[in-house]
C-alpha cells in the first residue's frame, strides 16, 4: 500500500532510489 502511494508522487520517476521517499522497512525487517 505504501508502495502504491509513493508511486503516485512525481519523485517516483527519479532514476536514483535516494531521490524518492523510501517505503517504511520496519515491519518487514522485524
ModelCIF file with pLDDT and N, C-alpha, C, O atoms, coordinates in Angstrom:
data_MODEL
#
_entry.id   MODEL 
#
_entity.id                         1 
_entity.type                       polymer 
_entity.pdbx_number_of_molecules   1 
#
_entity_poly.entity_id                      1 
_entity_poly.type                           'polypeptide(L)' 
_entity_poly.nstd_linkage                   no 
_entity_poly.nstd_monomer                   no 
_entity_poly.pdbx_seq_one_letter_code       
;(UNK)(UNK)(UNK)(UNK)(UNK)(UNK)(UNK)(UNK)(UNK)(UNK)(UNK)(UNK)(UNK)(UNK)(UNK)(UNK)
(UNK)(UNK)(UNK)(UNK)(UNK)(UNK)(UNK)(UNK)(UNK)(UNK)(UNK)(UNK)(UNK)(UNK)
;
_entity_poly.pdbx_seq_one_letter_code_can   XXXXXXXXXXXXXXXXXXXXXXXXXXXXXX 
_entity_poly.pdbx_strand_id                 A 
#
loop_
_entity_poly_seq.entity_id 
_entity_poly_seq.num 
_entity_poly_seq.mon_id 
_entity_poly_seq.hetero 
1 1  UNK n 
1 2  UNK n 
1 3  UNK n 
1 4  UNK n 
1 5  UNK n 
1 6  UNK n 
1 7  UNK n 
1 8  UNK n 
1 9  UNK n 
1 10 UNK n 
1 11 UNK n 
1 12 UNK n 
1 13 UNK n 
1 14 UNK n 
1 15 UNK n 
1 16 UNK n 
1 17 UNK n 
1 18 UNK n 
1 19 UNK n 
1 20 UNK n 
1 21 UNK n 
1 22 UNK n 
1 23 UNK n 
1 24 UNK n 
1 25 UNK n 
1 26 UNK n 
1 27 UNK n 
1 28 UNK n 
1 29 UNK n 
1 30 UNK n 
#
_struct_asym.id          A 
_struct_asym.entity_id   1 
#
loop_
_ma_qa_metric.id 
_ma_qa_metric.mode 
_ma_qa_metric.name 
_ma_qa_metric.software_group_id 
_ma_qa_metric.type 
1 global pLDDT . pLDDT 
2 local  pLDDT . pLDDT 
#
_ma_qa_metric_global.metric_id      1 
_ma_qa_metric_global.metric_value   86.80 
_ma_qa_metric_global.model_id       1 
_ma_qa_metric_global.ordinal_id     1 
#
loop_
_ma_qa_metric_local.label_asym_id 
_ma_qa_metric_local.label_comp_id 
_ma_qa_metric_local.label_seq_id 
_ma_qa_metric_local.metric_id 
_ma_qa_metric_local.metric_value 
_ma_qa_metric_local.model_id 
_ma_qa_metric_local.ordinal_id 
A UNK 1  2 93.00 1 1  
A UNK 2  2 93.00 1 2  
A UNK 3  2 92.00 1 3  
A UNK 4  2 91.00 1 4  
A UNK 5  2 90.00 1 5  
A UNK 6  2 88.00 1 6  
A UNK 7  2 86.00 1 7  
A UNK 8  2 86.00 1 8  
A UNK 9  2 85.00 1 9  
A UNK 10 2 82.00 1 10 
A UNK 11 2 81.00 1 11 
A UNK 12 2 75.00 1 12 
A UNK 13 2 79.00 1 13 
A UNK 14 2 78.00 1 14 
A UNK 15 2 72.00 1 15 
A UNK 16 2 79.00 1 16 
A UNK 17 2 77.00 1 17 
A UNK 18 2 76.00 1 18 
A UNK 19 2 79.00 1 19 
A UNK 20 2 82.00 1 20 
A UNK 21 2 86.00 1 21 
A UNK 22 2 89.00 1 22 
A UNK 23 2 91.00 1 23 
A UNK 24 2 93.00 1 24 
A UNK 25 2 96.00 1 25 
A UNK 26 2 96.00 1 26 
A UNK 27 2 97.00 1 27 
A UNK 28 2 98.00 1 28 
A UNK 29 2 97.00 1 29 
A UNK 30 2 97.00 1 30 
#
loop_
_atom_site.group_PDB 
_atom_site.id 
_atom_site.type_symbol 
_atom_site.label_atom_id 
_atom_site.label_alt_id 
_atom_site.label_comp_id 
_atom_site.label_asym_id 
_atom_site.label_entity_id 
_atom_site.label_seq_id 
_atom_site.pdbx_PDB_ins_code 
_atom_site.Cartn_x 
_atom_site.Cartn_y 
_atom_site.Cartn_z 
_atom_site.occupancy 
_atom_site.B_iso_or_equiv 
_atom_site.pdbx_formal_charge 
_atom_site.auth_seq_id 
_atom_site.auth_comp_id 
_atom_site.auth_asym_id 
_atom_site.auth_atom_id 
_atom_site.pdbx_PDB_model_num 
ATOM 1   N N  . UNK A 1 1  ? 0.816  -1.199 0.000   1.00 93.00 ? 1  UNK A N  1 
ATOM 2   C CA . UNK A 1 1  ? 0.000  0.000  0.000   1.00 93.00 ? 1  UNK A CA 1 
ATOM 3   C C  . UNK A 1 1  ? 0.858  1.262  0.000   1.00 93.00 ? 1  UNK A C  1 
ATOM 4   O O  . UNK A 1 1  ? 0.570  2.218  -0.720  1.00 93.00 ? 1  UNK A O  1 
ATOM 5   N N  . UNK A 1 2  ? 1.904  1.257  0.805   1.00 93.00 ? 2  UNK A N  1 
ATOM 6   C CA . UNK A 1 2  ? 2.825  2.402  0.807   1.00 93.00 ? 2  UNK A CA 1 
ATOM 7   C C  . UNK A 1 2  ? 3.502  2.548  -0.556  1.00 93.00 ? 2  UNK A C  1 
ATOM 8   O O  . UNK A 1 2  ? 3.733  3.660  -1.031  1.00 93.00 ? 2  UNK A O  1 
ATOM 9   N N  . UNK A 1 3  ? 3.810  1.428  -1.166  1.00 92.00 ? 3  UNK A N  1 
ATOM 10  C CA . UNK A 1 3  ? 4.457  1.429  -2.485  1.00 92.00 ? 3  UNK A CA 1 
ATOM 11  C C  . UNK A 1 3  ? 3.541  2.080  -3.530  1.00 92.00 ? 3  UNK A C  1 
ATOM 12  O O  . UNK A 1 3  ? 3.996  2.865  -4.362  1.00 92.00 ? 3  UNK A O  1 
ATOM 13  N N  . UNK A 1 4  ? 2.263  1.748  -3.477  1.00 91.00 ? 4  UNK A N  1 
ATOM 14  C CA . UNK A 1 4  ? 1.311  2.347  -4.409  1.00 91.00 ? 4  UNK A CA 1 
ATOM 15  C C  . UNK A 1 4  ? 1.222  3.851  -4.175  1.00 91.00 ? 4  UNK A C  1 
ATOM 16  O O  . UNK A 1 4  ? 1.198  4.629  -5.129  1.00 91.00 ? 4  UNK A O  1 
ATOM 17  N N  . UNK A 1 5  ? 1.174  4.258  -2.920  1.00 90.00 ? 5  UNK A N  1 
ATOM 18  C CA . UNK A 1 5  ? 1.095  5.691  -2.612  1.00 90.00 ? 5  UNK A CA 1 
ATOM 19  C C  . UNK A 1 5  ? 2.311  6.439  -3.149  1.00 90.00 ? 5  UNK A C  1 
ATOM 20  O O  . UNK A 1 5  ? 2.175  7.492  -3.772  1.00 90.00 ? 5  UNK A O  1 
ATOM 21  N N  . UNK A 1 6  ? 3.486  5.895  -2.907  1.00 88.00 ? 6  UNK A N  1 
ATOM 22  C CA . UNK A 1 6  ? 4.719  6.558  -3.343  1.00 88.00 ? 6  UNK A CA 1 
ATOM 23  C C  . UNK A 1 6  ? 4.804  6.609  -4.861  1.00 88.00 ? 6  UNK A C  1 
ATOM 24  O O  . UNK A 1 6  ? 5.362  7.554  -5.420  1.00 88.00 ? 6  UNK A O  1 
ATOM 25  N N  . UNK A 1 7  ? 4.259  5.608  -5.528  1.00 86.00 ? 7  UNK A N  1 
ATOM 26  C CA . UNK A 1 7  ? 4.325  5.566  -6.990  1.00 86.00 ? 7  UNK A CA 1 
ATOM 27  C C  . UNK A 1 7  ? 3.536  6.696  -7.646  1.00 86.00 ? 7  UNK A C  1 
ATOM 28  O O  . UNK A 1 7  ? 3.730  6.977  -8.828  1.00 86.00 ? 7  UNK A O  1 
ATOM 29  N N  . UNK A 1 8  ? 2.660  7.338  -6.900  1.00 86.00 ? 8  UNK A N  1 
ATOM 30  C CA . UNK A 1 8  ? 1.862  8.438  -7.454  1.00 86.00 ? 8  UNK A CA 1 
ATOM 31  C C  . UNK A 1 8  ? 2.582  9.785  -7.352  1.00 86.00 ? 8  UNK A C  1 
ATOM 32  O O  . UNK A 1 8  ? 2.116  10.780 -7.907  1.00 86.00 ? 8  UNK A O  1 
ATOM 33  N N  . UNK A 1 9  ? 3.706  9.820  -6.651  1.00 85.00 ? 9  UNK A N  1 
ATOM 34  C CA . UNK A 1 9  ? 4.446  11.073 -6.479  1.00 85.00 ? 9  UNK A CA 1 
ATOM 35  C C  . UNK A 1 9  ? 5.334  11.350 -7.687  1.00 85.00 ? 9  UNK A C  1 
ATOM 36  O O  . UNK A 1 9  ? 5.830  10.409 -8.306  1.00 85.00 ? 9  UNK A O  1 
ATOM 37  N N  . UNK A 1 10 ? 5.547  12.612 -8.035  1.00 82.00 ? 10 UNK A N  1 
ATOM 38  C CA . UNK A 1 10 ? 6.448  12.945 -9.150  1.00 82.00 ? 10 UNK A CA 1 
ATOM 39  C C  . UNK A 1 10 ? 7.841  12.357 -8.974  1.00 82.00 ? 10 UNK A C  1 
ATOM 40  O O  . UNK A 1 10 ? 8.484  11.970 -9.950  1.00 82.00 ? 10 UNK A O  1 
ATOM 41  N N  . UNK A 1 11 ? 8.307  12.289 -7.730  1.00 81.00 ? 11 UNK A N  1 
ATOM 42  C CA . UNK A 1 11 ? 9.655  11.776 -7.461  1.00 81.00 ? 11 UNK A CA 1 
ATOM 43  C C  . UNK A 1 11 ? 9.784  10.281 -7.742  1.00 81.00 ? 11 UNK A C  1 
ATOM 44  O O  . UNK A 1 11 ? 10.894 9.752  -7.802  1.00 81.00 ? 11 UNK A O  1 
ATOM 45  N N  . UNK A 1 12 ? 8.641  9.593  -7.915  1.00 75.00 ? 12 UNK A N  1 
ATOM 46  C CA . UNK A 1 12 ? 8.686  8.153  -8.177  1.00 75.00 ? 12 UNK A CA 1 
ATOM 47  C C  . UNK A 1 12 ? 9.383  7.844  -9.491  1.00 75.00 ? 12 UNK A C  1 
ATOM 48  O O  . UNK A 1 12 ? 9.847  6.723  -9.699  1.00 75.00 ? 12 UNK A O  1 
ATOM 49  N N  . UNK A 1 13 ? 9.462  8.837  -10.388 1.00 79.00 ? 13 UNK A N  1 
ATOM 50  C CA . UNK A 1 13 ? 10.093 8.635  -11.691 1.00 79.00 ? 13 UNK A CA 1 
ATOM 51  C C  . UNK A 1 13 ? 11.591 8.940  -11.676 1.00 79.00 ? 13 UNK A C  1 
ATOM 52  O O  . UNK A 1 13 ? 12.268 8.812  -12.696 1.00 79.00 ? 13 UNK A O  1 
ATOM 53  N N  . UNK A 1 14 ? 12.099 9.343  -10.517 1.00 78.00 ? 14 UNK A N  1 
ATOM 54  C CA . UNK A 1 14 ? 13.527 9.629  -10.435 1.00 78.00 ? 14 UNK A CA 1 
ATOM 55  C C  . UNK A 1 14 ? 14.336 8.345  -10.645 1.00 78.00 ? 14 UNK A C  1 
ATOM 56  O O  . UNK A 1 14 ? 13.948 7.269  -10.190 1.00 78.00 ? 14 UNK A O  1 
ATOM 57  N N  . UNK A 1 15 ? 15.446 8.480  -11.329 1.00 72.00 ? 15 UNK A N  1 
ATOM 58  C CA . UNK A 1 15 ? 16.256 7.305  -11.611 1.00 72.00 ? 15 UNK A CA 1 
ATOM 59  C C  . UNK A 1 15 ? 16.882 6.742  -10.340 1.00 72.00 ? 15 UNK A C  1 
ATOM 60  O O  . UNK A 1 15 ? 16.882 5.528  -10.137 1.00 72.00 ? 15 UNK A O  1 
ATOM 61  N N  . UNK A 1 16 ? 17.410 7.602  -9.493  1.00 79.00 ? 16 UNK A N  1 
ATOM 62  C CA . UNK A 1 16 ? 18.081 7.163  -8.279  1.00 79.00 ? 16 UNK A CA 1 
ATOM 63  C C  . UNK A 1 16 ? 17.067 6.945  -7.154  1.00 79.00 ? 16 UNK A C  1 
ATOM 64  O O  . UNK A 1 16 ? 16.183 7.772  -6.932  1.00 79.00 ? 16 UNK A O  1 
ATOM 65  N N  . UNK A 1 17 ? 17.208 5.817  -6.446  1.00 77.00 ? 17 UNK A N  1 
ATOM 66  C CA . UNK A 1 17 ? 16.266 5.482  -5.382  1.00 77.00 ? 17 UNK A CA 1 
ATOM 67  C C  . UNK A 1 17 ? 16.276 6.503  -4.253  1.00 77.00 ? 17 UNK A C  1 
ATOM 68  O O  . UNK A 1 17 ? 15.239 6.757  -3.639  1.00 77.00 ? 17 UNK A O  1 
ATOM 69  N N  . UNK A 1 18 ? 17.444 7.095  -3.971  1.00 76.00 ? 18 UNK A N  1 
ATOM 70  C CA . UNK A 1 18 ? 17.536 8.019  -2.842  1.00 76.00 ? 18 UNK A CA 1 
ATOM 71  C C  . UNK A 1 18 ? 16.817 9.344  -3.105  1.00 76.00 ? 18 UNK A C  1 
ATOM 72  O O  . UNK A 1 18 ? 16.644 10.144 -2.186  1.00 76.00 ? 18 UNK A O  1 
ATOM 73  N N  . UNK A 1 19 ? 16.403 9.578  -4.332  1.00 79.00 ? 19 UNK A N  1 
ATOM 74  C CA . UNK A 1 19 ? 15.714 10.824 -4.669  1.00 79.00 ? 19 UNK A CA 1 
ATOM 75  C C  . UNK A 1 19 ? 14.203 10.737 -4.470  1.00 79.00 ? 19 UNK A C  1 
ATOM 76  O O  . UNK A 1 19 ? 13.497 11.719 -4.699  1.00 79.00 ? 19 UNK A O  1 
ATOM 77  N N  . UNK A 1 20 ? 13.702 9.591  -4.052  1.00 82.00 ? 20 UNK A N  1 
ATOM 78  C CA . UNK A 1 20 ? 12.277 9.453  -3.785  1.00 82.00 ? 20 UNK A CA 1 
ATOM 79  C C  . UNK A 1 20 ? 12.088 8.965  -2.342  1.00 82.00 ? 20 UNK A C  1 
ATOM 80  O O  . UNK A 1 20 ? 13.020 8.423  -1.747  1.00 82.00 ? 20 UNK A O  1 
ATOM 81  N N  . UNK A 1 21 ? 10.886 9.156  -1.776  1.00 86.00 ? 21 UNK A N  1 
ATOM 82  C CA . UNK A 1 21 ? 10.634 8.678  -0.410  1.00 86.00 ? 21 UNK A CA 1 
ATOM 83  C C  . UNK A 1 21 ? 10.823 7.173  -0.328  1.00 86.00 ? 21 UNK A C  1 
ATOM 84  O O  . UNK A 1 21 ? 10.436 6.438  -1.237  1.00 86.00 ? 21 UNK A O  1 
ATOM 85  N N  . UNK A 1 22 ? 11.407 6.732  0.742   1.00 89.00 ? 22 UNK A N  1 
ATOM 86  C CA . UNK A 1 22 ? 11.611 5.304  0.946   1.00 89.00 ? 22 UNK A CA 1 
ATOM 87  C C  . UNK A 1 22 ? 10.388 4.690  1.616   1.00 89.00 ? 22 UNK A C  1 
ATOM 88  O O  . UNK A 1 22 ? 9.767  5.308  2.480   1.00 89.00 ? 22 UNK A O  1 
ATOM 89  N N  . UNK A 1 23 ? 10.054 3.489  1.216   1.00 91.00 ? 23 UNK A N  1 
ATOM 90  C CA . UNK A 1 23 ? 8.965  2.760  1.845   1.00 91.00 ? 23 UNK A CA 1 
ATOM 91  C C  . UNK A 1 23 ? 9.449  2.303  3.224   1.00 91.00 ? 23 UNK A C  1 
ATOM 92  O O  . UNK A 1 23 ? 10.586 1.854  3.371   1.00 91.00 ? 23 UNK A O  1 
ATOM 93  N N  . UNK A 1 24 ? 8.593  2.418  4.216   1.00 93.00 ? 24 UNK A N  1 
ATOM 94  C CA . UNK A 1 24 ? 8.952  2.045  5.578   1.00 93.00 ? 24 UNK A CA 1 
ATOM 95  C C  . UNK A 1 24 ? 9.305  0.560  5.647   1.00 93.00 ? 24 UNK A C  1 
ATOM 96  O O  . UNK A 1 24 ? 8.523  -0.288 5.217   1.00 93.00 ? 24 UNK A O  1 
ATOM 97  N N  . UNK A 1 25 ? 10.483 0.247  6.189   1.00 96.00 ? 25 UNK A N  1 
ATOM 98  C CA . UNK A 1 25 ? 11.009 -1.118 6.194   1.00 96.00 ? 25 UNK A CA 1 
ATOM 99  C C  . UNK A 1 25 ? 10.845 -1.844 7.522   1.00 96.00 ? 25 UNK A C  1 
ATOM 100 O O  . UNK A 1 25 ? 11.128 -3.039 7.610   1.00 96.00 ? 25 UNK A O  1 
ATOM 101 N N  . UNK A 1 26 ? 10.392 -1.140 8.557   1.00 96.00 ? 26 UNK A N  1 
ATOM 102 C CA . UNK A 1 26 ? 10.385 -1.698 9.905   1.00 96.00 ? 26 UNK A CA 1 
ATOM 103 C C  . UNK A 1 26 ? 9.693  -3.032 10.067  1.00 96.00 ? 26 UNK A C  1 
ATOM 104 O O  . UNK A 1 26 ? 10.245 -3.945 10.681  1.00 96.00 ? 26 UNK A O  1 
ATOM 105 N N  . UNK A 1 27 ? 8.486  -3.161 9.522   1.00 97.00 ? 27 UNK A N  1 
ATOM 106 C CA . UNK A 1 27 ? 7.737  -4.403 9.730   1.00 97.00 ? 27 UNK A CA 1 
ATOM 107 C C  . UNK A 1 27 ? 8.369  -5.577 8.991   1.00 97.00 ? 27 UNK A C  1 
ATOM 108 O O  . UNK A 1 27 ? 8.424  -6.686 9.523   1.00 97.00 ? 27 UNK A O  1 
ATOM 109 N N  . UNK A 1 28 ? 8.842  -5.345 7.778   1.00 98.00 ? 28 UNK A N  1 
ATOM 110 C CA . UNK A 1 28 ? 9.480  -6.432 7.024   1.00 98.00 ? 28 UNK A CA 1 
ATOM 111 C C  . UNK A 1 28 ? 10.781 -6.869 7.692   1.00 98.00 ? 28 UNK A C  1 
ATOM 112 O O  . UNK A 1 28 ? 11.075 -8.062 7.762   1.00 98.00 ? 28 UNK A O  1 
ATOM 113 N N  . UNK A 1 29 ? 11.551 -5.914 8.176   1.00 97.00 ? 29 UNK A N  1 
ATOM 114 C CA . UNK A 1 29 ? 12.808 -6.258 8.856   1.00 97.00 ? 29 UNK A CA 1 
ATOM 115 C C  . UNK A 1 29 ? 12.535 -7.025 10.143  1.00 97.00 ? 29 UNK A C  1 
ATOM 116 O O  . UNK A 1 29 ? 13.319 -7.888 10.538  1.00 97.00 ? 29 UNK A O  1 
ATOM 117 N N  . UNK A 1 30 ? 11.418 -6.704 10.796  1.00 97.00 ? 30 UNK A N  1 
ATOM 118 C CA . UNK A 1 30 ? 11.055 -7.434 12.008  1.00 97.00 ? 30 UNK A CA 1 
ATOM 119 C C  . UNK A 1 30 ? 10.721 -8.883 11.682  1.00 97.00 ? 30 UNK A C  1 
ATOM 120 O O  . UNK A 1 30 ? 10.391 -9.657 12.581  1.00 97.00 ? 30 UNK A O  1 
#
